[in-house]
Amino acid sequence: MKHRIFEPHKDLASFVKCYWTLEIPKAETPTKNTIVPDGCIKMIFHYGDNYKHHTLNGDSFILPKSFVIGQLTEPYVVEPMGETATFFVCFHPNGFLPFTTLSIKEFENCAVAFKDMFGEDGHLVSEQVLKANSTLERISFIESFLFKKIASKHSIDQIVKSTVETILTANGQFSVDVLSKKHQIHRRQLARKFSLSIGLSPKQLSKTIRLQAALKMLLIEDVTSLTGLAYENEYYDQAHFIKEFKEFTGLTPKEFYGDDLKMSLIFES
C-alpha cells in the first residue's frame, strides 16, 4: 500500500487542507473500507478501478470515476472493484463553499459526479486528472481549476474560520456555548453560519473531530481501557463513547479495531 500526502499551493492553503494519493494492488485490497466522518469535503478521482458504495439500507451502486463527497454524518462503506489508485483533494471544514454553487447541505452523505457538480469545465478537468502521468500533474490540473473557480468568489467567513480552528485545536472538546462566547457570537447565529459554510452544526463538527482524535489514539497508542479513552476525550462515560463511536463508524470500538480502523483513518489526513 502506498499512501502519500502533498501540500497545496500557499494561495489555496486557506481552502485546501492537502492532496493525497492511495495506491493498493488488487491482491492487497480489503473487501470493504469504512470512511469515517472527519468534517472535510473531498474531491475524489479514481484513476485505478472503480469503487462501489454500500448504503446503510443495504443497496449498492458503482461510484463515478470522479466525484465530490459531501459532509459525512454517518459511516460511508465502499468496496474496491479491483486495483486502488486514487487521488484526493481534501478541503478544510469551511474550505469548499467558495467552489460550489450548490448548498453544501444538498449533498450531505452523497457523492456527486464531477460533471454534475461543475458542468463541462468539471468534466474537462476530471479527464485531465484521470489521464495524468503523475501526482504532480494531477495537482497542477486541479489547482488551475480551483484558482479559476475562486477568482470571483467571496472569501472565507472569518468567524467560522476562527471557530473551526478552536474546535480542531481542542479536539472537539468545547461546548457550543463556550465556542459562541469565545468568539462573541450568539449560538444560533453561529449555527447558521456553520450550516451555510460547512454543512454541519458546531456541535456536529465538534463530535466528529473528537471521535477522530479518539480513533487516532486507538491507532497509535496501546489503549488498554475504553473507559480511560472515553474520559481522556471528554466523553461522559464509556457508554457515551461507544454510542457516538457506533454512530460514526457503524460498529463498536472492539468490532472496529484492526484493519478496518487503519484503512479508515487513511481517509482522515
C-alpha atoms as a PDB file:
ATOM      1  CA  MET A   1       0.000   0.000   0.000  1.00  0.00           C
ATOM      2  CA  LYS A   2       1.331   3.446  -0.974  1.00  0.00           C
ATOM      3  CA  HIS A   3      -0.110   6.494   0.746  1.00  0.00           C
ATOM      4  CA  ARG A   4       1.394   9.960   0.209  1.00  0.00           C
ATOM      5  CA  ILE A   5       0.310  13.446   1.298  1.00  0.00           C
ATOM      6  CA  PHE A   6       1.083  16.684  -0.606  1.00  0.00           C
ATOM      7  CA  GLU A   7       0.753  20.312   0.481  1.00  0.00           C
ATOM      8  CA  PRO A   8      -1.404  22.747  -1.558  1.00  0.00           C
ATOM      9  CA  HIS A   9      -0.215  25.972  -3.140  1.00  0.00           C
ATOM     10  CA  LYS A  10       0.156  28.649  -0.456  1.00  0.00           C
ATOM     11  CA  ASP A  11      -2.634  30.732  -2.018  1.00  0.00           C
ATOM     12  CA  LEU A  12      -5.030  27.785  -1.750  1.00  0.00           C
ATOM     13  CA  ALA A  13      -3.952  26.702   1.737  1.00  0.00           C
ATOM     14  CA  SER A  14      -6.857  28.553   3.393  1.00  0.00           C
ATOM     15  CA  PHE A  15      -9.233  26.316   1.472  1.00  0.00           C
ATOM     16  CA  VAL A  16      -7.410  23.068   0.735  1.00  0.00           C
ATOM     17  CA  LYS A  17      -6.040  21.038   3.615  1.00  0.00           C
ATOM     18  CA  CYS A  18      -3.953  18.686   1.480  1.00  0.00           C
ATOM     19  CA  TYR A  19      -3.824  16.358  -1.503  1.00  0.00           C
ATOM     20  CA  TRP A  20      -3.087  12.707  -1.125  1.00  0.00           C
ATOM     21  CA  THR A  21      -2.803   9.523  -3.110  1.00  0.00           C
ATOM     22  CA  LEU A  22      -3.669   5.952  -2.230  1.00  0.00           C
ATOM     23  CA  GLU A  23      -2.449   3.020  -4.322  1.00  0.00           C
ATOM     24  CA  ILE A  24      -3.111  -0.623  -3.412  1.00  0.00           C
ATOM     25  CA  PRO A  25      -2.654  -3.697  -5.639  1.00  0.00           C
ATOM     26  CA  LYS A  26      -5.812  -5.754  -6.140  1.00  0.00           C
ATOM     27  CA  ALA A  27      -4.392  -8.687  -4.165  1.00  0.00           C
ATOM     28  CA  GLU A  28      -3.836  -6.491  -1.092  1.00  0.00           C
ATOM     29  CA  THR A  29      -7.079  -4.505  -1.237  1.00  0.00           C
ATOM     30  CA  PRO A  30      -9.527  -5.085   1.660  1.00  0.00           C
ATOM     31  CA  THR A  31     -13.002  -6.300   0.742  1.00  0.00           C
ATOM     32  CA  LYS A  32     -14.629  -3.178   2.156  1.00  0.00           C
ATOM     33  CA  ASN A  33     -13.466   0.107   3.701  1.00  0.00           C
ATOM     34  CA  THR A  34     -15.387   2.295   6.102  1.00  0.00           C
ATOM     35  CA  ILE A  35     -14.872   6.011   5.516  1.00  0.00           C
ATOM     36  CA  VAL A  36     -15.415   7.699   8.873  1.00  0.00           C
ATOM     37  CA  PRO A  37     -16.753  11.290   9.035  1.00  0.00           C
ATOM     38  CA  ASP A  38     -13.912  13.774   9.530  1.00  0.00           C
ATOM     39  CA  GLY A  39     -15.593  17.143   8.865  1.00  0.00           C
ATOM     40  CA  CYS A  40     -13.954  17.606   5.449  1.00  0.00           C
ATOM     41  CA  ILE A  41     -15.480  17.642   1.954  1.00  0.00           C
ATOM     42  CA  LYS A  42     -13.317  15.882  -0.639  1.00  0.00           C
ATOM     43  CA  MET A  43     -12.822  15.616  -4.373  1.00  0.00           C
ATOM     44  CA  ILE A  44     -12.019  12.013  -5.281  1.00  0.00           C
ATOM     45  CA  PHE A  45     -10.540  10.766  -8.563  1.00  0.00           C
ATOM     46  CA  HIS A  46     -10.283   7.005  -9.134  1.00  0.00           C
ATOM     47  CA  TYR A  47      -7.622   6.668 -11.828  1.00  0.00           C
ATOM     48  CA  GLY A  48      -7.482   2.967 -10.982  1.00  0.00           C
ATOM     49  CA  ASP A  49     -10.523   0.711 -10.885  1.00  0.00           C
ATOM     50  CA  ASN A  50     -13.953   1.855  -9.720  1.00  0.00           C
ATOM     51  CA  TYR A  51     -15.331   1.661  -6.208  1.00  0.00           C
ATOM     52  CA  LYS A  52     -18.797   0.546  -5.148  1.00  0.00           C
ATOM     53  CA  HIS A  53     -20.747   2.238  -2.351  1.00  0.00           C
ATOM     54  CA  HIS A  54     -22.835   0.142   0.059  1.00  0.00           C
ATOM     55  CA  THR A  55     -25.619   2.193   1.655  1.00  0.00           C
ATOM     56  CA  LEU A  56     -26.828   1.687   5.200  1.00  0.00           C
ATOM     57  CA  ASN A  57     -30.158   0.322   3.922  1.00  0.00           C
ATOM     58  CA  GLY A  58     -28.466  -2.496   2.017  1.00  0.00           C
ATOM     59  CA  ASP A  59     -28.378  -1.032  -1.508  1.00  0.00           C
ATOM     60  CA  SER A  60     -25.185  -0.618  -3.522  1.00  0.00           C
ATOM     61  CA  PHE A  61     -24.041   1.202  -6.660  1.00  0.00           C
ATOM     62  CA  ILE A  62     -20.846   1.934  -8.594  1.00  0.00           C
ATOM     63  CA  LEU A  63     -19.355   5.324  -7.797  1.00  0.00           C
ATOM     64  CA  PRO A  64     -18.290   7.687 -10.613  1.00  0.00           C
ATOM     65  CA  LYS A  65     -14.605   7.826 -11.530  1.00  0.00           C
ATOM     66  CA  SER A  66     -14.513  11.457 -10.335  1.00  0.00           C
ATOM     67  CA  PHE A  67     -16.821  12.983  -7.736  1.00  0.00           C
ATOM     68  CA  VAL A  68     -17.213  15.245  -4.724  1.00  0.00           C
ATOM     69  CA  ILE A  69     -18.145  13.540  -1.472  1.00  0.00           C
ATOM     70  CA  GLY A  70     -20.161  15.809   0.819  1.00  0.00           C
ATOM     71  CA  GLN A  71     -20.030  16.134   4.579  1.00  0.00           C
ATOM     72  CA  LEU A  72     -20.474  12.734   6.205  1.00  0.00           C
ATOM     73  CA  THR A  73     -22.588  12.327   9.328  1.00  0.00           C
ATOM     74  CA  GLU A  74     -22.572   8.518   9.202  1.00  0.00           C
ATOM     75  CA  PRO A  75     -20.204   5.745   8.107  1.00  0.00           C
ATOM     76  CA  TYR A  76     -19.695   5.526   4.339  1.00  0.00           C
ATOM     77  CA  VAL A  77     -18.870   1.987   3.248  1.00  0.00           C
ATOM     78  CA  VAL A  78     -17.037   1.426  -0.037  1.00  0.00           C
ATOM     79  CA  GLU A  79     -15.834  -1.685  -1.838  1.00  0.00           C
ATOM     80  CA  PRO A  80     -12.874  -1.631  -4.261  1.00  0.00           C
ATOM     81  CA  MET A  81     -13.714  -3.321  -7.563  1.00  0.00           C
ATOM     82  CA  GLY A  82     -10.080  -4.054  -8.371  1.00  0.00           C
ATOM     83  CA  GLU A  83      -6.809  -2.151  -8.074  1.00  0.00           C
ATOM     84  CA  THR A  84      -6.965   1.025  -5.991  1.00  0.00           C
ATOM     85  CA  ALA A  85      -5.310   4.131  -7.452  1.00  0.00           C
ATOM     86  CA  THR A  86      -6.939   7.278  -6.113  1.00  0.00           C
ATOM     87  CA  PHE A  87      -6.162  10.990  -5.916  1.00  0.00           C
ATOM     88  CA  PHE A  88      -7.902  13.045  -3.218  1.00  0.00           C
ATOM     89  CA  VAL A  89      -8.340  16.767  -2.668  1.00  0.00           C
ATOM     90  CA  CYS A  90      -9.217  17.336   0.987  1.00  0.00           C
ATOM     91  CA  PHE A  91     -10.729  20.713   1.915  1.00  0.00           C
ATOM     92  CA  HIS A  92     -10.715  22.338   5.327  1.00  0.00           C
ATOM     93  CA  PRO A  93     -14.117  22.013   7.048  1.00  0.00           C
ATOM     94  CA  ASN A  94     -15.037  25.531   5.873  1.00  0.00           C
ATOM     95  CA  GLY A  95     -12.966  25.481   2.669  1.00  0.00           C
ATOM     96  CA  PHE A  96     -15.248  24.104  -0.043  1.00  0.00           C
ATOM     97  CA  LEU A  97     -18.016  26.721  -0.072  1.00  0.00           C
ATOM     98  CA  PRO A  98     -16.326  29.193  -2.482  1.00  0.00           C
ATOM     99  CA  PHE A  99     -16.029  26.498  -5.152  1.00  0.00           C
ATOM    100  CA  THR A 100     -19.667  25.430  -5.465  1.00  0.00           C
ATOM    101  CA  THR A 101     -22.996  26.992  -6.362  1.00  0.00           C
ATOM    102  CA  LEU A 102     -24.875  24.191  -4.607  1.00  0.00           C
ATOM    103  CA  SER A 103     -25.951  24.348  -0.988  1.00  0.00           C
ATOM    104  CA  ILE A 104     -23.493  22.195   0.927  1.00  0.00           C
ATOM    105  CA  LYS A 105     -26.397  20.589   2.813  1.00  0.00           C
ATOM    106  CA  GLU A 106     -27.751  19.295  -0.532  1.00  0.00           C
ATOM    107  CA  PHE A 107     -25.035  16.674  -0.886  1.00  0.00           C
ATOM    108  CA  GLU A 108     -24.585  15.574   2.729  1.00  0.00           C
ATOM    109  CA  ASN A 109     -23.614  11.869   2.792  1.00  0.00           C
ATOM    110  CA  CYS A 110     -23.666  11.876  -1.032  1.00  0.00           C
ATOM    111  CA  ALA A 111     -21.203  11.516  -3.890  1.00  0.00           C
ATOM    112  CA  VAL A 112     -21.847  13.998  -6.725  1.00  0.00           C
ATOM    113  CA  ALA A 113     -20.234  13.289 -10.096  1.00  0.00           C
ATOM    114  CA  PHE A 114     -17.731  15.955 -11.099  1.00  0.00           C
ATOM    115  CA  LYS A 115     -19.636  16.908 -14.240  1.00  0.00           C
ATOM    116  CA  ASP A 116     -22.890  17.255 -12.258  1.00  0.00           C
ATOM    117  CA  MET A 117     -21.161  19.498  -9.738  1.00  0.00           C
ATOM    118  CA  PHE A 118     -19.132  21.686 -12.123  1.00  0.00           C
ATOM    119  CA  GLY A 119     -20.571  21.210 -15.619  1.00  0.00           C
ATOM    120  CA  GLU A 120     -18.407  20.933 -18.731  1.00  0.00           C
ATOM    121  CA  ASP A 121     -15.414  22.573 -17.028  1.00  0.00           C
ATOM    122  CA  GLY A 122     -15.622  19.891 -14.368  1.00  0.00           C
ATOM    123  CA  HIS A 123     -15.768  17.141 -16.971  1.00  0.00           C
ATOM    124  CA  LEU A 124     -12.667  18.529 -18.697  1.00  0.00           C
ATOM    125  CA  VAL A 125     -10.521  18.765 -15.568  1.00  0.00           C
ATOM    126  CA  SER A 126     -11.782  15.360 -14.442  1.00  0.00           C
ATOM    127  CA  GLU A 127     -10.488  13.796 -17.675  1.00  0.00           C
ATOM    128  CA  GLN A 128      -7.178  15.633 -17.288  1.00  0.00           C
ATOM    129  CA  VAL A 129      -6.687  14.413 -13.719  1.00  0.00           C
ATOM    130  CA  LEU A 130      -7.630  10.814 -14.542  1.00  0.00           C
ATOM    131  CA  LYS A 131      -5.276  10.666 -17.550  1.00  0.00           C
ATOM    132  CA  ALA A 132      -2.352  12.491 -15.915  1.00  0.00           C
ATOM    133  CA  ASN A 133       1.003  10.715 -15.764  1.00  0.00           C
ATOM    134  CA  SER A 134       1.932  11.720 -12.215  1.00  0.00           C
ATOM    135  CA  THR A 135       0.588  13.140  -8.981  1.00  0.00           C
ATOM    136  CA  LEU A 136       2.316  16.453  -9.640  1.00  0.00           C
ATOM    137  CA  GLU A 137       0.457  16.693 -12.959  1.00  0.00           C
ATOM    138  CA  ARG A 138      -2.825  15.956 -11.200  1.00  0.00           C
ATOM    139  CA  ILE A 139      -2.118  18.659  -8.629  1.00  0.00           C
ATOM    140  CA  SER A 140      -1.277  21.139 -11.404  1.00  0.00           C
ATOM    141  CA  PHE A 141      -4.537  20.440 -13.242  1.00  0.00           C
ATOM    142  CA  ILE A 142      -6.719  20.638 -10.136  1.00  0.00           C
ATOM    143  CA  GLU A 143      -5.027  23.778  -8.804  1.00  0.00           C
ATOM    144  CA  SER A 144      -5.520  25.585 -12.121  1.00  0.00           C
ATOM    145  CA  PHE A 145      -9.191  24.617 -11.912  1.00  0.00           C
ATOM    146  CA  LEU A 146      -9.515  25.776  -8.300  1.00  0.00           C
ATOM    147  CA  PHE A 147      -7.811  29.118  -8.983  1.00  0.00           C
ATOM    148  CA  LYS A 148     -10.289  29.811 -11.793  1.00  0.00           C
ATOM    149  CA  LYS A 149     -13.201  28.928  -9.523  1.00  0.00           C
ATOM    150  CA  ILE A 150     -12.022  31.043  -6.614  1.00  0.00           C
ATOM    151  CA  ALA A 151     -11.192  34.143  -8.681  1.00  0.00           C
ATOM    152  CA  SER A 152     -14.655  35.702  -8.459  1.00  0.00           C
ATOM    153  CA  LYS A 153     -15.941  34.146  -5.225  1.00  0.00           C
ATOM    154  CA  HIS A 154     -16.217  35.501  -1.708  1.00  0.00           C
ATOM    155  CA  SER A 155     -13.630  34.835   0.968  1.00  0.00           C
ATOM    156  CA  ILE A 156     -13.952  32.536   3.933  1.00  0.00           C
ATOM    157  CA  ASP A 157     -16.109  33.733   6.851  1.00  0.00           C
ATOM    158  CA  GLN A 158     -13.558  34.709   9.491  1.00  0.00           C
ATOM    159  CA  ILE A 159     -15.796  33.866  12.462  1.00  0.00           C
ATOM    160  CA  VAL A 160     -16.377  30.383  11.082  1.00  0.00           C
ATOM    161  CA  LYS A 161     -12.670  30.002  10.311  1.00  0.00           C
ATOM    162  CA  SER A 162     -11.674  31.049  13.813  1.00  0.00           C
ATOM    163  CA  THR A 163     -14.258  28.782  15.433  1.00  0.00           C
ATOM    164  CA  VAL A 164     -13.180  25.809  13.311  1.00  0.00           C
ATOM    165  CA  GLU A 165      -9.568  26.394  14.369  1.00  0.00           C
ATOM    166  CA  THR A 166     -10.674  26.423  18.008  1.00  0.00           C
ATOM    167  CA  ILE A 167     -12.574  23.147  17.552  1.00  0.00           C
ATOM    168  CA  LEU A 168      -9.591  21.491  15.863  1.00  0.00           C
ATOM    169  CA  THR A 169      -7.097  22.732  18.449  1.00  0.00           C
ATOM    170  CA  ALA A 170      -9.294  21.493  21.310  1.00  0.00           C
ATOM    171  CA  ASN A 171     -10.041  18.159  19.567  1.00  0.00           C
ATOM    172  CA  GLY A 172     -13.741  18.997  19.663  1.00  0.00           C
ATOM    173  CA  GLN A 173     -13.887  19.218  23.445  1.00  0.00           C
ATOM    174  CA  PHE A 174     -15.546  22.658  23.797  1.00  0.00           C
ATOM    175  CA  SER A 175     -19.317  23.025  24.075  1.00  0.00           C
ATOM    176  CA  VAL A 176     -21.255  25.232  21.658  1.00  0.00           C
ATOM    177  CA  ASP A 177     -21.893  27.723  24.477  1.00  0.00           C
ATOM    178  CA  VAL A 178     -18.160  28.014  25.129  1.00  0.00           C
ATOM    179  CA  LEU A 179     -17.464  28.433  21.412  1.00  0.00           C
ATOM    180  CA  SER A 180     -20.114  31.133  20.956  1.00  0.00           C
ATOM    181  CA  LYS A 181     -18.881  33.085  23.994  1.00  0.00           C
ATOM    182  CA  LYS A 182     -15.253  32.753  22.953  1.00  0.00           C
ATOM    183  CA  HIS A 183     -15.993  34.175  19.503  1.00  0.00           C
ATOM    184  CA  GLN A 184     -18.620  36.677  20.730  1.00  0.00           C
ATOM    185  CA  ILE A 185     -21.499  35.446  18.617  1.00  0.00           C
ATOM    186  CA  HIS A 186     -24.917  34.076  19.530  1.00  0.00           C
ATOM    187  CA  ARG A 187     -25.019  30.288  19.240  1.00  0.00           C
ATOM    188  CA  ARG A 188     -27.937  30.383  16.782  1.00  0.00           C
ATOM    189  CA  GLN A 189     -26.120  32.826  14.510  1.00  0.00           C
ATOM    190  CA  LEU A 190     -23.002  30.664  14.736  1.00  0.00           C
ATOM    191  CA  ALA A 191     -25.063  27.583  13.843  1.00  0.00           C
ATOM    192  CA  ARG A 192     -26.490  29.350  10.762  1.00  0.00           C
ATOM    193  CA  LYS A 193     -23.024  30.365   9.612  1.00  0.00           C
ATOM    194  CA  PHE A 194     -21.753  26.806  10.081  1.00  0.00           C
ATOM    195  CA  SER A 195     -24.691  25.314   8.197  1.00  0.00           C
ATOM    196  CA  LEU A 196     -24.032  27.605   5.232  1.00  0.00           C
ATOM    197  CA  SER A 197     -20.236  27.333   5.199  1.00  0.00           C
ATOM    198  CA  ILE A 198     -19.637  23.755   6.322  1.00  0.00           C
ATOM    199  CA  GLY A 199     -22.897  21.834   6.157  1.00  0.00           C
ATOM    200  CA  LEU A 200     -22.556  20.788   9.799  1.00  0.00           C
ATOM    201  CA  SER A 201     -23.509  22.474  13.055  1.00  0.00           C
ATOM    202  CA  PRO A 202     -20.739  23.433  15.527  1.00  0.00           C
ATOM    203  CA  LYS A 203     -21.875  20.514  17.705  1.00  0.00           C
ATOM    204  CA  GLN A 204     -21.723  18.035  14.793  1.00  0.00           C
ATOM    205  CA  LEU A 205     -18.247  19.180  13.782  1.00  0.00           C
ATOM    206  CA  SER A 206     -17.044  19.005  17.391  1.00  0.00           C
ATOM    207  CA  LYS A 207     -18.386  15.454  17.763  1.00  0.00           C
ATOM    208  CA  THR A 208     -16.685  14.464  14.515  1.00  0.00           C
ATOM    209  CA  ILE A 209     -13.299  15.920  15.486  1.00  0.00           C
ATOM    210  CA  ARG A 210     -13.470  14.408  18.973  1.00  0.00           C
ATOM    211  CA  LEU A 211     -14.179  10.967  17.536  1.00  0.00           C
ATOM    212  CA  GLN A 212     -11.290  11.332  15.085  1.00  0.00           C
ATOM    213  CA  ALA A 213      -8.968  12.172  17.989  1.00  0.00           C
ATOM    214  CA  ALA A 214     -10.079   9.008  19.798  1.00  0.00           C
ATOM    215  CA  LEU A 215      -9.568   6.933  16.633  1.00  0.00           C
ATOM    216  CA  LYS A 216      -6.013   8.218  16.285  1.00  0.00           C
ATOM    217  CA  MET A 217      -5.290   7.262  19.880  1.00  0.00           C
ATOM    218  CA  LEU A 218      -6.603   3.754  19.192  1.00  0.00           C
ATOM    219  CA  LEU A 219      -4.284   3.524  16.206  1.00  0.00           C
ATOM    220  CA  ILE A 220      -1.034   4.849  17.623  1.00  0.00           C
ATOM    221  CA  GLU A 221      -1.268   4.083  21.346  1.00  0.00           C
ATOM    222  CA  ASP A 222      -1.539   0.908  23.399  1.00  0.00           C
ATOM    223  CA  VAL A 223      -5.050   1.527  24.709  1.00  0.00           C
ATOM    224  CA  THR A 224      -5.994  -0.878  27.494  1.00  0.00           C
ATOM    225  CA  SER A 225      -9.157   0.782  28.775  1.00  0.00           C
ATOM    226  CA  LEU A 226     -12.073   2.151  26.782  1.00  0.00           C
ATOM    227  CA  THR A 227     -13.214   3.976  29.896  1.00  0.00           C
ATOM    228  CA  GLY A 228      -9.869   5.767  30.126  1.00  0.00           C
ATOM    229  CA  LEU A 229     -10.001   6.600  26.435  1.00  0.00           C
ATOM    230  CA  ALA A 230     -13.532   7.945  26.841  1.00  0.00           C
ATOM    231  CA  TYR A 231     -12.639  10.225  29.740  1.00  0.00           C
ATOM    232  CA  GLU A 232      -9.435  11.431  28.054  1.00  0.00           C
ATOM    233  CA  ASN A 233     -11.519  12.611  25.110  1.00  0.00           C
ATOM    234  CA  GLU A 234     -14.145  14.297  27.318  1.00  0.00           C
ATOM    235  CA  TYR A 235     -16.950  11.766  26.881  1.00  0.00           C
ATOM    236  CA  TYR A 236     -19.305  11.462  29.839  1.00  0.00           C
ATOM    237  CA  ASP A 237     -18.541   7.767  30.250  1.00  0.00           C
ATOM    238  CA  GLN A 238     -17.747   4.612  28.274  1.00  0.00           C
ATOM    239  CA  ALA A 239     -21.376   4.149  27.185  1.00  0.00           C
ATOM    240  CA  HIS A 240     -21.441   7.668  25.732  1.00  0.00           C
ATOM    241  CA  PHE A 241     -18.196   6.976  23.860  1.00  0.00           C
ATOM    242  CA  ILE A 242     -19.451   3.671  22.429  1.00  0.00           C
ATOM    243  CA  LYS A 243     -22.744   5.275  21.345  1.00  0.00           C
ATOM    244  CA  GLU A 244     -21.021   8.062  19.376  1.00  0.00           C
ATOM    245  CA  PHE A 245     -18.392   5.669  18.039  1.00  0.00           C
ATOM    246  CA  LYS A 246     -21.094   3.448  16.581  1.00  0.00           C
ATOM    247  CA  GLU A 247     -22.957   6.476  15.200  1.00  0.00           C
ATOM    248  CA  PHE A 248     -19.939   7.441  13.077  1.00  0.00           C
ATOM    249  CA  THR A 249     -18.473   4.023  12.238  1.00  0.00           C
ATOM    250  CA  GLY A 250     -21.442   1.637  12.367  1.00  0.00           C
ATOM    251  CA  LEU A 251     -19.502  -0.602  14.772  1.00  0.00           C
ATOM    252  CA  THR A 252     -18.447  -0.741  18.408  1.00  0.00           C
ATOM    253  CA  PRO A 253     -14.793   0.089  19.181  1.00  0.00           C
ATOM    254  CA  LYS A 254     -13.971  -3.610  19.647  1.00  0.00           C
ATOM    255  CA  GLU A 255     -15.618  -4.547  16.331  1.00  0.00           C
ATOM    256  CA  PHE A 256     -13.898  -1.725  14.511  1.00  0.00           C
ATOM    257  CA  TYR A 257     -10.387  -2.119  15.901  1.00  0.00           C
ATOM    258  CA  GLY A 258      -7.871  -3.690  13.491  1.00  0.00           C
ATOM    259  CA  ASP A 259      -7.508  -3.437   9.717  1.00  0.00           C
ATOM    260  CA  ASP A 260     -10.793  -1.551   9.335  1.00  0.00           C
ATOM    261  CA  LEU A 261      -9.513   1.163  11.652  1.00  0.00           C
ATOM    262  CA  LYS A 262      -6.186   1.511   9.844  1.00  0.00           C
ATOM    263  CA  MET A 263      -7.810   1.677   6.420  1.00  0.00           C
ATOM    264  CA  SER A 264     -10.480   4.117   7.530  1.00  0.00           C
ATOM    265  CA  LEU A 265      -8.005   6.541   9.068  1.00  0.00           C
ATOM    266  CA  ILE A 266      -6.295   6.876   5.700  1.00  0.00           C
ATOM    267  CA  PHE A 267      -9.316   8.931   4.687  1.00  0.00           C
ATOM    268  CA  GLU A 268      -8.638  11.407   7.500  1.00  0.00           C
ATOM    269  CA  SER A 269      -5.379  13.184   6.820  1.00  0.00           C
END
